[in-house]
Amino acid sequence: MLDRHFDPSEGVTLADHLESVYRNLDFLGPTYSGHEYFSQLNTALEALGQNPVQLSTLLGPVALLHDIGKVREDKSSESPHPLTGKPVKLRHPVVGLIAGLEVLPADHADRDMVLALIEEHDTPFSWYMNFQKSGQTPKPKSWAKLDRKINPSADGTGIVALAVFKLADIDGHEDVNDVVWFFDRANSNILVEKGKWLPVPDEVAIKSLEVQGT
């Protein structure tokens, strides 16, 4: 399947995109030699008690599965949610969740968190697009709900993981302002309150990942 992030004439497949996002996770860990921002990010993660290498391991399956639902996406159809049973549109994050439930072993470490990240990986972009239209940022209660869905500890680690994945998932994205926005608003709407903080990347730092991945 051709990847919708690129012009069809470029011949970039969905598998290519998933592999690129997976490779981008290399910025997590002490051996990464790219833009100086990523050194700051790793230091901040360590200060939060998060091991960047372990976070990379957690996010690996998310990278490889997050968009896989696009091969069977059907926005016009509804189906019971695979976990809650509530009717939902078969958008690609839900179909990706279904695939994750099939692929990931029941004893996979952090399986529930991986599945939640697959289902919610598009939420930052949706929130950003709504902000562009209305000027409204989701209230802290919405951030707390999202955080708790990803990690029931509700201590900000769910939002941290989602933000870091959002940073990795920029393959094929010409406009990366949604990444900057999500980091900034995550800090002000939930992370600072939880005693956490992430350095906000600028466009140059984000775009440097494309250079590293070529």
N, C-alpha and C. Protein backbone atom coordinates (compact mmCIF):
# COMPACT_ATOMS: atom_id res chain seq x y z
N MET A 1 0.84 -1.18 0.00
CA MET A 1 0.00 0.00 0.00
C MET A 1 0.89 1.24 0.00
N LEU A 2 0.59 2.20 -0.90
CA LEU A 2 1.33 3.45 -0.93
C LEU A 2 0.98 4.28 0.30
N ASP A 3 1.98 5.00 0.81
CA ASP A 3 1.77 5.82 1.99
C ASP A 3 1.18 7.17 1.59
N ARG A 4 0.08 7.56 2.26
CA ARG A 4 -0.64 8.77 1.88
C ARG A 4 0.12 10.04 2.25
N HIS A 5 1.19 9.94 3.04
CA HIS A 5 1.97 11.13 3.37
C HIS A 5 2.74 11.66 2.17
N PHE A 6 2.92 10.82 1.15
CA PHE A 6 3.77 11.17 0.01
C PHE A 6 2.97 11.15 -1.29
N ASP A 7 3.47 11.84 -2.31
CA ASP A 7 2.87 11.78 -3.63
C ASP A 7 3.03 10.35 -4.16
N PRO A 8 1.98 9.79 -4.76
CA PRO A 8 2.06 8.41 -5.27
C PRO A 8 3.23 8.17 -6.20
N SER A 9 3.65 9.22 -6.93
CA SER A 9 4.74 9.06 -7.88
C SER A 9 6.06 8.72 -7.19
N GLU A 10 6.17 9.01 -5.87
CA GLU A 10 7.40 8.73 -5.14
C GLU A 10 7.54 7.26 -4.77
N GLY A 11 6.44 6.53 -4.82
CA GLY A 11 6.49 5.09 -4.57
C GLY A 11 6.79 4.71 -3.13
N VAL A 12 6.54 5.61 -2.18
CA VAL A 12 6.79 5.32 -0.76
C VAL A 12 5.63 4.51 -0.21
N THR A 13 5.91 3.36 0.35
CA THR A 13 4.86 2.49 0.86
C THR A 13 4.59 2.75 2.34
N LEU A 14 3.47 2.24 2.80
CA LEU A 14 3.13 2.32 4.22
C LEU A 14 4.20 1.64 5.06
N ALA A 15 4.71 0.52 4.57
CA ALA A 15 5.78 -0.19 5.29
C ALA A 15 7.02 0.70 5.42
N ASP A 16 7.33 1.46 4.36
CA ASP A 16 8.47 2.39 4.41
C ASP A 16 8.26 3.42 5.52
N HIS A 17 7.04 3.94 5.60
CA HIS A 17 6.72 4.95 6.62
C HIS A 17 6.88 4.37 8.02
N LEU A 18 6.34 3.18 8.25
CA LEU A 18 6.42 2.56 9.58
C LEU A 18 7.89 2.32 9.97
N GLU A 19 8.69 1.87 9.02
CA GLU A 19 10.11 1.64 9.31
C GLU A 19 10.84 2.95 9.60
N SER A 20 10.47 4.03 8.89
CA SER A 20 11.11 5.32 9.13
C SER A 20 10.80 5.84 10.53
N VAL A 21 9.55 5.70 10.96
CA VAL A 21 9.19 6.14 12.31
C VAL A 21 9.93 5.30 13.34
N TYR A 22 10.04 4.01 13.07
CA TYR A 22 10.79 3.13 13.98
C TYR A 22 12.25 3.56 14.08
N ARG A 23 12.86 3.88 12.95
CA ARG A 23 14.26 4.32 12.95
C ARG A 23 14.42 5.65 13.68
N ASN A 24 13.42 6.51 13.59
CA ASN A 24 13.50 7.80 14.26
C ASN A 24 13.63 7.66 15.77
N LEU A 25 13.17 6.55 16.31
CA LEU A 25 13.28 6.35 17.75
C LEU A 25 14.73 6.22 18.21
N ASP A 26 15.66 6.17 17.25
CA ASP A 26 17.08 6.13 17.60
C ASP A 26 17.51 7.36 18.40
N PHE A 27 16.71 8.43 18.33
CA PHE A 27 17.09 9.62 19.10
C PHE A 27 17.00 9.40 20.61
N LEU A 28 16.40 8.29 21.00
CA LEU A 28 16.31 7.96 22.43
C LEU A 28 17.54 7.15 22.84
N GLY A 29 18.36 7.71 23.69
CA GLY A 29 19.54 7.00 24.15
C GLY A 29 20.80 7.84 24.02
N PRO A 30 21.84 7.48 24.75
CA PRO A 30 23.05 8.31 24.83
C PRO A 30 23.92 8.27 23.59
N THR A 31 23.69 7.32 22.68
CA THR A 31 24.58 7.21 21.52
C THR A 31 24.14 8.06 20.34
N TYR A 32 22.97 8.72 20.43
CA TYR A 32 22.47 9.50 19.30
C TYR A 32 23.32 10.75 19.12
N SER A 33 23.71 11.02 17.88
CA SER A 33 24.63 12.13 17.61
C SER A 33 24.02 13.21 16.73
N GLY A 34 22.71 13.32 16.75
CA GLY A 34 22.04 14.32 15.91
C GLY A 34 21.95 15.67 16.59
N HIS A 35 20.90 16.39 16.30
CA HIS A 35 20.68 17.74 16.81
C HIS A 35 20.78 17.78 18.34
N GLU A 36 21.34 18.87 18.86
CA GLU A 36 21.56 18.99 20.31
C GLU A 36 20.27 18.91 21.12
N TYR A 37 19.14 19.21 20.49
CA TYR A 37 17.87 19.12 21.22
C TYR A 37 17.66 17.75 21.82
N PHE A 38 18.07 16.72 21.09
CA PHE A 38 17.77 15.36 21.54
C PHE A 38 18.59 14.97 22.76
N SER A 39 19.75 15.58 22.92
CA SER A 39 20.51 15.40 24.15
C SER A 39 19.75 16.01 25.32
N GLN A 40 19.16 17.18 25.09
CA GLN A 40 18.35 17.83 26.11
C GLN A 40 17.13 16.99 26.47
N LEU A 41 16.52 16.41 25.44
CA LEU A 41 15.34 15.57 25.67
C LEU A 41 15.70 14.35 26.50
N ASN A 42 16.79 13.68 26.14
CA ASN A 42 17.20 12.50 26.89
C ASN A 42 17.51 12.85 28.35
N THR A 43 18.16 13.98 28.56
CA THR A 43 18.47 14.42 29.91
C THR A 43 17.19 14.70 30.70
N ALA A 44 16.22 15.33 30.05
CA ALA A 44 14.94 15.62 30.71
C ALA A 44 14.21 14.33 31.06
N LEU A 45 14.23 13.35 30.15
CA LEU A 45 13.56 12.07 30.42
C LEU A 45 14.21 11.37 31.62
N GLU A 46 15.52 11.39 31.66
CA GLU A 46 16.23 10.77 32.78
C GLU A 46 15.89 11.47 34.10
N ALA A 47 15.74 12.79 34.04
CA ALA A 47 15.38 13.55 35.24
C ALA A 47 13.97 13.18 35.72
N LEU A 48 13.14 12.72 34.80
CA LEU A 48 11.79 12.29 35.16
C LEU A 48 11.76 10.85 35.64
N GLY A 49 12.92 10.20 35.66
CA GLY A 49 12.99 8.80 36.07
C GLY A 49 12.66 7.84 34.96
N GLN A 50 12.70 8.33 33.70
CA GLN A 50 12.41 7.47 32.56
C GLN A 50 13.71 7.15 31.83
N ASN A 51 13.95 5.87 31.63
CA ASN A 51 15.12 5.43 30.89
C ASN A 51 14.81 5.56 29.39
N PRO A 52 15.53 6.43 28.67
CA PRO A 52 15.23 6.64 27.25
C PRO A 52 15.31 5.36 26.41
N VAL A 53 16.25 4.48 26.72
CA VAL A 53 16.37 3.24 25.96
C VAL A 53 15.15 2.35 26.20
N GLN A 54 14.69 2.28 27.44
CA GLN A 54 13.49 1.50 27.74
C GLN A 54 12.26 2.11 27.07
N LEU A 55 12.21 3.45 27.01
CA LEU A 55 11.10 4.11 26.34
C LEU A 55 11.11 3.79 24.85
N SER A 56 12.31 3.74 24.26
CA SER A 56 12.42 3.35 22.85
C SER A 56 11.90 1.94 22.62
N THR A 57 12.21 1.04 23.54
CA THR A 57 11.72 -0.34 23.44
C THR A 57 10.20 -0.38 23.53
N LEU A 58 9.64 0.42 24.43
CA LEU A 58 8.19 0.49 24.57
C LEU A 58 7.54 1.00 23.29
N LEU A 59 8.13 2.04 22.69
CA LEU A 59 7.51 2.69 21.54
C LEU A 59 7.77 1.96 20.22
N GLY A 60 8.70 1.01 20.21
CA GLY A 60 8.99 0.28 18.97
C GLY A 60 7.77 -0.35 18.33
N PRO A 61 6.98 -1.16 19.06
CA PRO A 61 5.79 -1.74 18.46
C PRO A 61 4.75 -0.70 18.04
N VAL A 62 4.69 0.41 18.77
CA VAL A 62 3.78 1.49 18.38
C VAL A 62 4.17 2.03 17.02
N ALA A 63 5.47 2.24 16.81
CA ALA A 63 5.95 2.75 15.54
C ALA A 63 5.59 1.82 14.39
N LEU A 64 5.71 0.53 14.61
CA LEU A 64 5.50 -0.44 13.54
C LEU A 64 4.03 -0.75 13.29
N LEU A 65 3.16 -0.37 14.24
CA LEU A 65 1.74 -0.71 14.11
C LEU A 65 0.82 0.50 14.01
N HIS A 66 1.30 1.71 14.30
CA HIS A 66 0.38 2.83 14.49
C HIS A 66 -0.48 3.14 13.27
N ASP A 67 0.06 3.02 12.07
CA ASP A 67 -0.71 3.34 10.85
C ASP A 67 -1.14 2.11 10.08
N ILE A 68 -0.90 0.94 10.62
CA ILE A 68 -1.19 -0.28 9.87
C ILE A 68 -2.70 -0.44 9.61
N GLY A 69 -3.49 0.24 10.45
CA GLY A 69 -4.94 0.17 10.26
C GLY A 69 -5.41 0.82 8.97
N LYS A 70 -4.56 1.59 8.31
CA LYS A 70 -4.96 2.26 7.07
C LYS A 70 -5.27 1.27 5.95
N VAL A 71 -4.74 0.06 6.05
CA VAL A 71 -4.98 -0.91 4.97
C VAL A 71 -6.43 -1.41 5.00
N ARG A 72 -7.12 -1.27 6.15
CA ARG A 72 -8.51 -1.73 6.24
C ARG A 72 -9.43 -0.66 6.82
N GLU A 73 -8.98 0.57 6.79
CA GLU A 73 -9.79 1.67 7.32
C GLU A 73 -11.07 1.82 6.52
N ASP A 74 -12.19 2.05 7.23
CA ASP A 74 -13.48 2.28 6.57
C ASP A 74 -14.25 3.28 7.42
N LYS A 75 -14.05 4.57 7.11
CA LYS A 75 -14.63 5.63 7.93
C LYS A 75 -16.16 5.66 7.89
N SER A 76 -16.73 5.00 6.89
CA SER A 76 -18.19 5.01 6.75
C SER A 76 -18.86 3.89 7.54
N SER A 77 -18.06 2.98 8.09
CA SER A 77 -18.63 1.83 8.81
C SER A 77 -18.39 1.95 10.31
N GLU A 78 -19.28 1.32 11.06
CA GLU A 78 -19.13 1.26 12.51
C GLU A 78 -18.98 -0.20 12.93
N SER A 79 -18.31 -0.38 14.06
CA SER A 79 -18.11 -1.71 14.62
C SER A 79 -17.96 -1.56 16.12
N PRO A 80 -18.27 -2.60 16.89
CA PRO A 80 -18.03 -2.50 18.33
C PRO A 80 -16.54 -2.30 18.61
N HIS A 81 -16.24 -1.39 19.51
CA HIS A 81 -14.85 -1.19 19.91
C HIS A 81 -14.33 -2.50 20.49
N PRO A 82 -13.12 -2.93 20.10
CA PRO A 82 -12.63 -4.25 20.53
C PRO A 82 -12.44 -4.39 22.04
N LEU A 83 -12.37 -3.28 22.76
CA LEU A 83 -12.17 -3.35 24.21
C LEU A 83 -13.42 -2.93 25.00
N THR A 84 -14.09 -1.87 24.52
CA THR A 84 -15.24 -1.36 25.28
C THR A 84 -16.58 -1.87 24.76
N GLY A 85 -16.61 -2.30 23.51
CA GLY A 85 -17.86 -2.76 22.91
C GLY A 85 -18.75 -1.65 22.39
N LYS A 86 -18.37 -0.39 22.61
CA LYS A 86 -19.17 0.73 22.14
C LYS A 86 -18.99 0.91 20.63
N PRO A 87 -20.07 1.31 19.92
CA PRO A 87 -19.94 1.51 18.47
C PRO A 87 -18.94 2.62 18.15
N VAL A 88 -18.03 2.35 17.21
CA VAL A 88 -17.03 3.34 16.80
C VAL A 88 -16.84 3.25 15.29
N LYS A 89 -16.47 4.39 14.69
CA LYS A 89 -16.10 4.39 13.28
C LYS A 89 -14.80 3.61 13.10
N LEU A 90 -14.70 2.90 12.01
CA LEU A 90 -13.50 2.10 11.75
C LEU A 90 -12.39 2.96 11.14
N ARG A 91 -12.00 3.99 11.88
CA ARG A 91 -10.86 4.81 11.48
C ARG A 91 -9.57 4.03 11.77
N HIS A 92 -8.49 4.47 11.15
CA HIS A 92 -7.28 3.65 11.20
C HIS A 92 -6.72 3.44 12.60
N PRO A 93 -6.85 4.36 13.57
CA PRO A 93 -6.33 4.04 14.91
C PRO A 93 -7.08 2.88 15.57
N VAL A 94 -8.38 2.78 15.32
CA VAL A 94 -9.15 1.67 15.89
C VAL A 94 -8.78 0.36 15.19
N VAL A 95 -8.65 0.41 13.87
CA VAL A 95 -8.26 -0.80 13.13
C VAL A 95 -6.84 -1.20 13.54
N GLY A 96 -5.98 -0.21 13.80
CA GLY A 96 -4.63 -0.50 14.29
C GLY A 96 -4.66 -1.16 15.65
N LEU A 97 -5.57 -0.73 16.50
CA LEU A 97 -5.75 -1.36 17.80
C LEU A 97 -6.15 -2.82 17.64
N ILE A 98 -7.07 -3.08 16.73
CA ILE A 98 -7.50 -4.46 16.47
C ILE A 98 -6.31 -5.31 16.02
N ALA A 99 -5.49 -4.75 15.14
CA ALA A 99 -4.29 -5.47 14.68
C ALA A 99 -3.34 -5.72 15.84
N GLY A 100 -3.18 -4.72 16.70
CA GLY A 100 -2.29 -4.87 17.85
C GLY A 100 -2.75 -5.97 18.78
N LEU A 101 -4.05 -6.07 18.98
CA LEU A 101 -4.60 -7.13 19.83
C LEU A 101 -4.32 -8.51 19.25
N GLU A 102 -4.28 -8.58 17.92
CA GLU A 102 -4.02 -9.86 17.25
C GLU A 102 -2.54 -10.21 17.25
N VAL A 103 -1.69 -9.18 17.11
CA VAL A 103 -0.26 -9.41 16.89
C VAL A 103 0.53 -9.53 18.20
N LEU A 104 0.22 -8.67 19.16
CA LEU A 104 1.02 -8.63 20.39
C LEU A 104 0.66 -9.79 21.32
N PRO A 105 1.64 -10.54 21.79
CA PRO A 105 1.36 -11.63 22.73
C PRO A 105 0.73 -11.09 24.01
N ALA A 106 -0.08 -11.91 24.64
CA ALA A 106 -0.77 -11.50 25.86
C ALA A 106 0.21 -11.11 26.96
N ASP A 107 1.41 -11.72 26.94
CA ASP A 107 2.39 -11.44 27.99
C ASP A 107 3.42 -10.39 27.56
N HIS A 108 3.14 -9.68 26.46
CA HIS A 108 4.07 -8.64 26.02
C HIS A 108 4.18 -7.56 27.09
N ALA A 109 5.40 -7.14 27.39
CA ALA A 109 5.61 -6.12 28.40
C ALA A 109 4.92 -4.82 28.00
N ASP A 110 4.18 -4.23 28.93
CA ASP A 110 3.49 -2.95 28.69
C ASP A 110 2.50 -3.04 27.54
N ARG A 111 1.90 -4.21 27.35
CA ARG A 111 0.99 -4.41 26.22
C ARG A 111 -0.15 -3.40 26.23
N ASP A 112 -0.77 -3.18 27.38
CA ASP A 112 -1.90 -2.26 27.45
C ASP A 112 -1.50 -0.85 27.06
N MET A 113 -0.31 -0.43 27.48
CA MET A 113 0.16 0.91 27.15
C MET A 113 0.46 1.04 25.66
N VAL A 114 1.05 0.01 25.09
CA VAL A 114 1.33 0.00 23.65
C VAL A 114 0.02 0.12 22.87
N LEU A 115 -0.98 -0.65 23.25
CA LEU A 115 -2.27 -0.64 22.56
C LEU A 115 -2.93 0.73 22.68
N ALA A 116 -2.86 1.33 23.87
CA ALA A 116 -3.46 2.66 24.06
C ALA A 116 -2.76 3.71 23.21
N LEU A 117 -1.45 3.62 23.10
CA LEU A 117 -0.70 4.57 22.28
C LEU A 117 -1.04 4.40 20.80
N ILE A 118 -1.23 3.17 20.36
CA ILE A 118 -1.64 2.95 18.97
C ILE A 118 -2.99 3.62 18.71
N GLU A 119 -3.92 3.41 19.63
CA GLU A 119 -5.27 3.97 19.44
C GLU A 119 -5.27 5.49 19.52
N GLU A 120 -4.42 6.06 20.35
CA GLU A 120 -4.44 7.51 20.59
C GLU A 120 -3.36 8.27 19.82
N HIS A 121 -2.61 7.61 18.95
CA HIS A 121 -1.48 8.29 18.32
C HIS A 121 -1.90 9.49 17.48
N ASP A 122 -3.13 9.49 16.98
CA ASP A 122 -3.61 10.59 16.15
C ASP A 122 -4.27 11.71 16.95
N THR A 123 -4.48 11.50 18.24
CA THR A 123 -5.16 12.50 19.06
C THR A 123 -4.42 13.84 19.09
N PRO A 124 -3.09 13.86 19.25
CA PRO A 124 -2.41 15.17 19.24
C PRO A 124 -2.68 15.98 17.98
N PHE A 125 -2.67 15.32 16.82
CA PHE A 125 -2.93 16.03 15.57
C PHE A 125 -4.38 16.52 15.52
N SER A 126 -5.31 15.68 15.97
CA SER A 126 -6.72 16.08 15.98
C SER A 126 -6.93 17.29 16.88
N TRP A 127 -6.29 17.27 18.04
CA TRP A 127 -6.41 18.40 18.95
C TRP A 127 -5.82 19.67 18.32
N TYR A 128 -4.70 19.51 17.64
CA TYR A 128 -4.06 20.66 17.01
C TYR A 128 -4.94 21.23 15.90
N MET A 129 -5.55 20.37 15.09
CA MET A 129 -6.42 20.84 14.02
C MET A 129 -7.63 21.56 14.59
N ASN A 130 -8.19 21.05 15.69
CA ASN A 130 -9.31 21.73 16.34
C ASN A 130 -8.88 23.09 16.87
N PHE A 131 -7.63 23.15 17.39
CA PHE A 131 -7.11 24.42 17.87
C PHE A 131 -6.98 25.41 16.72
N GLN A 132 -6.53 24.94 15.57
CA GLN A 132 -6.39 25.81 14.40
C GLN A 132 -7.73 26.40 13.98
N LYS A 133 -8.79 25.60 14.13
CA LYS A 133 -10.12 26.05 13.71
C LYS A 133 -10.79 26.94 14.75
N SER A 134 -10.64 26.58 16.02
CA SER A 134 -11.41 27.24 17.07
C SER A 134 -10.59 28.10 18.02
N GLY A 135 -9.26 27.89 18.02
CA GLY A 135 -8.42 28.60 18.97
C GLY A 135 -8.50 28.03 20.38
N GLN A 136 -9.18 26.91 20.52
CA GLN A 136 -9.38 26.32 21.84
C GLN A 136 -8.44 25.13 22.06
N THR A 137 -7.79 25.10 23.21
CA THR A 137 -6.97 23.96 23.62
C THR A 137 -7.80 23.10 24.57
N PRO A 138 -7.75 21.77 24.45
CA PRO A 138 -8.48 20.92 25.40
C PRO A 138 -8.15 21.29 26.84
N LYS A 139 -9.14 21.23 27.69
CA LYS A 139 -8.97 21.59 29.09
C LYS A 139 -8.10 20.55 29.80
N PRO A 140 -7.47 20.95 30.91
CA PRO A 140 -6.61 20.00 31.65
C PRO A 140 -7.30 18.68 31.96
N LYS A 141 -8.61 18.71 32.16
CA LYS A 141 -9.34 17.46 32.45
C LYS A 141 -9.21 16.48 31.29
N SER A 142 -9.23 16.99 30.05
CA SER A 142 -9.09 16.12 28.87
C SER A 142 -7.68 15.55 28.79
N TRP A 143 -6.69 16.36 29.14
CA TRP A 143 -5.30 15.88 29.14
C TRP A 143 -5.14 14.79 30.20
N ALA A 144 -5.75 14.99 31.35
CA ALA A 144 -5.65 13.99 32.42
C ALA A 144 -6.32 12.68 32.01
N LYS A 145 -7.44 12.79 31.32
CA LYS A 145 -8.14 11.58 30.85
C LYS A 145 -7.30 10.82 29.84
N LEU A 146 -6.68 11.55 28.92
CA LEU A 146 -5.83 10.91 27.92
C LEU A 146 -4.62 10.26 28.59
N ASP A 147 -4.02 10.95 29.52
CA ASP A 147 -2.87 10.43 30.25
C ASP A 147 -3.22 9.14 30.98
N ARG A 148 -4.36 9.14 31.64
CA ARG A 148 -4.80 7.98 32.42
C ARG A 148 -5.14 6.80 31.51
N LYS A 149 -5.67 7.08 30.31
CA LYS A 149 -5.98 5.99 29.39
C LYS A 149 -4.71 5.29 28.93
N ILE A 150 -3.65 6.07 28.71
CA ILE A 150 -2.40 5.47 28.24
C ILE A 150 -1.68 4.75 29.38
N ASN A 151 -1.67 5.36 30.55
CA ASN A 151 -1.03 4.76 31.72
C ASN A 151 -1.89 5.04 32.95
N PRO A 152 -2.53 4.02 33.51
CA PRO A 152 -3.43 4.22 34.65
C PRO A 152 -2.79 4.88 35.86
N SER A 153 -1.47 4.93 35.91
CA SER A 153 -0.82 5.61 37.03
C SER A 153 -1.16 7.10 37.05
N ALA A 154 -1.56 7.65 35.90
CA ALA A 154 -2.04 9.03 35.79
C ALA A 154 -1.05 10.03 36.37
N ASP A 155 0.24 9.78 36.15
CA ASP A 155 1.27 10.66 36.70
C ASP A 155 2.00 11.47 35.62
N GLY A 156 1.42 11.50 34.42
CA GLY A 156 2.02 12.24 33.31
C GLY A 156 2.84 11.40 32.37
N THR A 157 3.16 10.16 32.75
CA THR A 157 4.02 9.34 31.90
C THR A 157 3.33 8.94 30.59
N GLY A 158 2.01 8.86 30.61
CA GLY A 158 1.30 8.55 29.37
C GLY A 158 1.44 9.66 28.35
N ILE A 159 1.28 10.90 28.81
CA ILE A 159 1.43 12.05 27.92
C ILE A 159 2.87 12.18 27.45
N VAL A 160 3.83 11.92 28.33
CA VAL A 160 5.24 11.96 27.94
C VAL A 160 5.51 10.98 26.80
N ALA A 161 5.04 9.75 26.96
CA ALA A 161 5.26 8.72 25.93
C ALA A 161 4.60 9.12 24.62
N LEU A 162 3.40 9.68 24.69
CA LEU A 162 2.69 10.08 23.47
C LEU A 162 3.42 11.24 22.79
N ALA A 163 3.92 12.19 23.57
CA ALA A 163 4.65 13.32 22.99
C ALA A 163 5.92 12.85 22.30
N VAL A 164 6.65 11.95 22.94
CA VAL A 164 7.89 11.44 22.35
C VAL A 164 7.58 10.67 21.07
N PHE A 165 6.52 9.88 21.08
CA PHE A 165 6.15 9.18 19.85
C PHE A 165 5.74 10.16 18.76
N LYS A 166 5.01 11.20 19.15
CA LYS A 166 4.60 12.23 18.19
C LYS A 166 5.83 12.84 17.50
N LEU A 167 6.89 13.01 18.25
CA LEU A 167 8.13 13.56 17.70
C LEU A 167 8.75 12.60 16.69
N ALA A 168 8.68 11.31 16.96
CA ALA A 168 9.24 10.32 16.04
C ALA A 168 8.41 10.19 14.77
N ASP A 169 7.11 10.44 14.88
CA ASP A 169 6.18 10.19 13.78
C ASP A 169 6.04 11.40 12.87
N ILE A 170 7.16 11.87 12.32
CA ILE A 170 7.11 13.05 11.44
C ILE A 170 7.49 12.71 10.00
N ASP A 171 7.70 11.43 9.72
CA ASP A 171 8.06 11.02 8.36
C ASP A 171 6.96 11.43 7.38
N GLY A 172 7.33 12.23 6.37
CA GLY A 172 6.37 12.66 5.36
C GLY A 172 5.57 13.88 5.74
N HIS A 173 5.84 14.48 6.91
CA HIS A 173 5.08 15.64 7.37
C HIS A 173 5.83 16.93 7.02
N GLU A 174 5.31 17.70 6.10
CA GLU A 174 5.96 18.97 5.76
C GLU A 174 5.78 19.99 6.88
N ASP A 175 4.60 20.01 7.49
CA ASP A 175 4.30 20.94 8.58
C ASP A 175 4.42 20.18 9.89
N VAL A 176 5.33 20.60 10.74
CA VAL A 176 5.54 19.91 12.03
C VAL A 176 5.16 20.80 13.21
N ASN A 177 4.40 21.87 12.94
CA ASN A 177 3.99 22.76 14.02
C ASN A 177 3.09 22.07 15.04
N ASP A 178 2.40 21.01 14.60
CA ASP A 178 1.56 20.28 15.55
C ASP A 178 2.41 19.60 16.63
N VAL A 179 3.64 19.21 16.29
CA VAL A 179 4.53 18.61 17.28
C VAL A 179 4.94 19.65 18.32
N VAL A 180 5.35 20.83 17.83
CA VAL A 180 5.74 21.92 18.73
C VAL A 180 4.58 22.27 19.65
N TRP A 181 3.40 22.39 19.07
CA TRP A 181 2.19 22.74 19.82
C TRP A 181 1.91 21.72 20.90
N PHE A 182 2.00 20.43 20.57
CA PHE A 182 1.63 19.40 21.54
C PHE A 182 2.60 19.39 22.72
N PHE A 183 3.89 19.51 22.46
CA PHE A 183 4.86 19.56 23.55
C PHE A 183 4.58 20.76 24.46
N ASP A 184 4.37 21.92 23.85
CA ASP A 184 4.16 23.14 24.63
C ASP A 184 2.89 23.04 25.47
N ARG A 185 1.80 22.59 24.87
CA ARG A 185 0.53 22.52 25.60
C ARG A 185 0.53 21.37 26.61
N ALA A 186 1.25 20.31 26.32
CA ALA A 186 1.36 19.22 27.30
C ALA A 186 2.02 19.73 28.57
N ASN A 187 3.08 20.51 28.40
CA ASN A 187 3.75 21.08 29.57
C ASN A 187 2.79 21.92 30.40
N SER A 188 2.07 22.83 29.75
CA SER A 188 1.26 23.80 30.48
C SER A 188 -0.06 23.24 30.99
N ASN A 189 -0.56 22.17 30.37
CA ASN A 189 -1.88 21.66 30.75
C ASN A 189 -1.85 20.45 31.67
N ILE A 190 -0.69 19.77 31.78
CA ILE A 190 -0.66 18.63 32.67
C ILE A 190 0.72 18.34 33.27
N LEU A 191 1.77 18.44 32.48
CA LEU A 191 3.06 17.94 32.95
C LEU A 191 3.65 18.77 34.08
N VAL A 192 3.61 20.08 33.97
CA VAL A 192 4.16 20.92 35.05
C VAL A 192 3.43 20.65 36.36
N GLU A 193 2.12 20.48 36.27
CA GLU A 193 1.34 20.17 37.48
C GLU A 193 1.78 18.84 38.10
N LYS A 194 2.22 17.91 37.26
CA LYS A 194 2.66 16.60 37.74
C LYS A 194 4.15 16.61 38.14
N GLY A 195 4.76 17.78 38.10
CA GLY A 195 6.18 17.86 38.43
C GLY A 195 7.07 17.39 37.31
N LYS A 196 6.56 17.43 36.08
CA LYS A 196 7.30 16.98 34.90
C LYS A 196 7.39 18.10 33.89
N TRP A 197 8.35 17.98 32.98
CA TRP A 197 8.53 18.99 31.94
C TRP A 197 9.36 18.38 30.82
N LEU A 198 9.00 18.73 29.58
CA LEU A 198 9.76 18.30 28.41
C LEU A 198 10.24 19.52 27.65
N PRO A 199 11.50 19.53 27.21
CA PRO A 199 11.95 20.64 26.35
C PRO A 199 11.16 20.63 25.06
N VAL A 200 10.76 21.81 24.62
CA VAL A 200 9.94 21.92 23.42
C VAL A 200 10.84 22.01 22.19
N PRO A 201 10.69 21.12 21.23
CA PRO A 201 11.56 21.16 20.03
C PRO A 201 11.12 22.27 19.09
N ASP A 202 12.07 22.82 18.35
CA ASP A 202 11.70 23.76 17.29
C ASP A 202 11.70 23.02 15.95
N GLU A 203 11.31 23.72 14.90
CA GLU A 203 11.17 23.08 13.59
C GLU A 203 12.50 22.54 13.09
N VAL A 204 13.57 23.24 13.35
CA VAL A 204 14.89 22.80 12.87
C VAL A 204 15.26 21.47 13.51
N ALA A 205 15.04 21.34 14.82
CA ALA A 205 15.36 20.09 15.52
C ALA A 205 14.52 18.95 14.99
N ILE A 206 13.23 19.21 14.80
CA ILE A 206 12.33 18.15 14.31
C ILE A 206 12.72 17.72 12.91
N LYS A 207 12.95 18.68 12.04
CA LYS A 207 13.29 18.37 10.65
C LYS A 207 14.64 17.66 10.53
N SER A 208 15.50 17.82 11.54
CA SER A 208 16.81 17.15 11.49
C SER A 208 16.66 15.65 11.49
N LEU A 209 15.54 15.14 12.00
CA LEU A 209 15.31 13.69 12.01
C LEU A 209 15.23 13.16 10.58
N GLU A 210 14.69 13.95 9.66
CA GLU A 210 14.59 13.50 8.27
C GLU A 210 15.97 13.35 7.65
N VAL A 211 16.89 14.22 8.04
CA VAL A 211 18.26 14.13 7.53
C VAL A 211 18.95 12.89 8.09
N GLN A 212 18.75 12.65 9.38
CA GLN A 212 19.37 11.48 10.01
C GLN A 212 18.84 10.17 9.42
N GLY A 213 17.56 10.19 9.01
CA GLY A 213 16.94 8.96 8.53
C GLY A 213 17.24 8.63 7.09
N THR A 214 17.87 9.54 6.35
CA THR A 214 18.14 9.28 4.93
C THR A 214 19.43 8.50 4.74
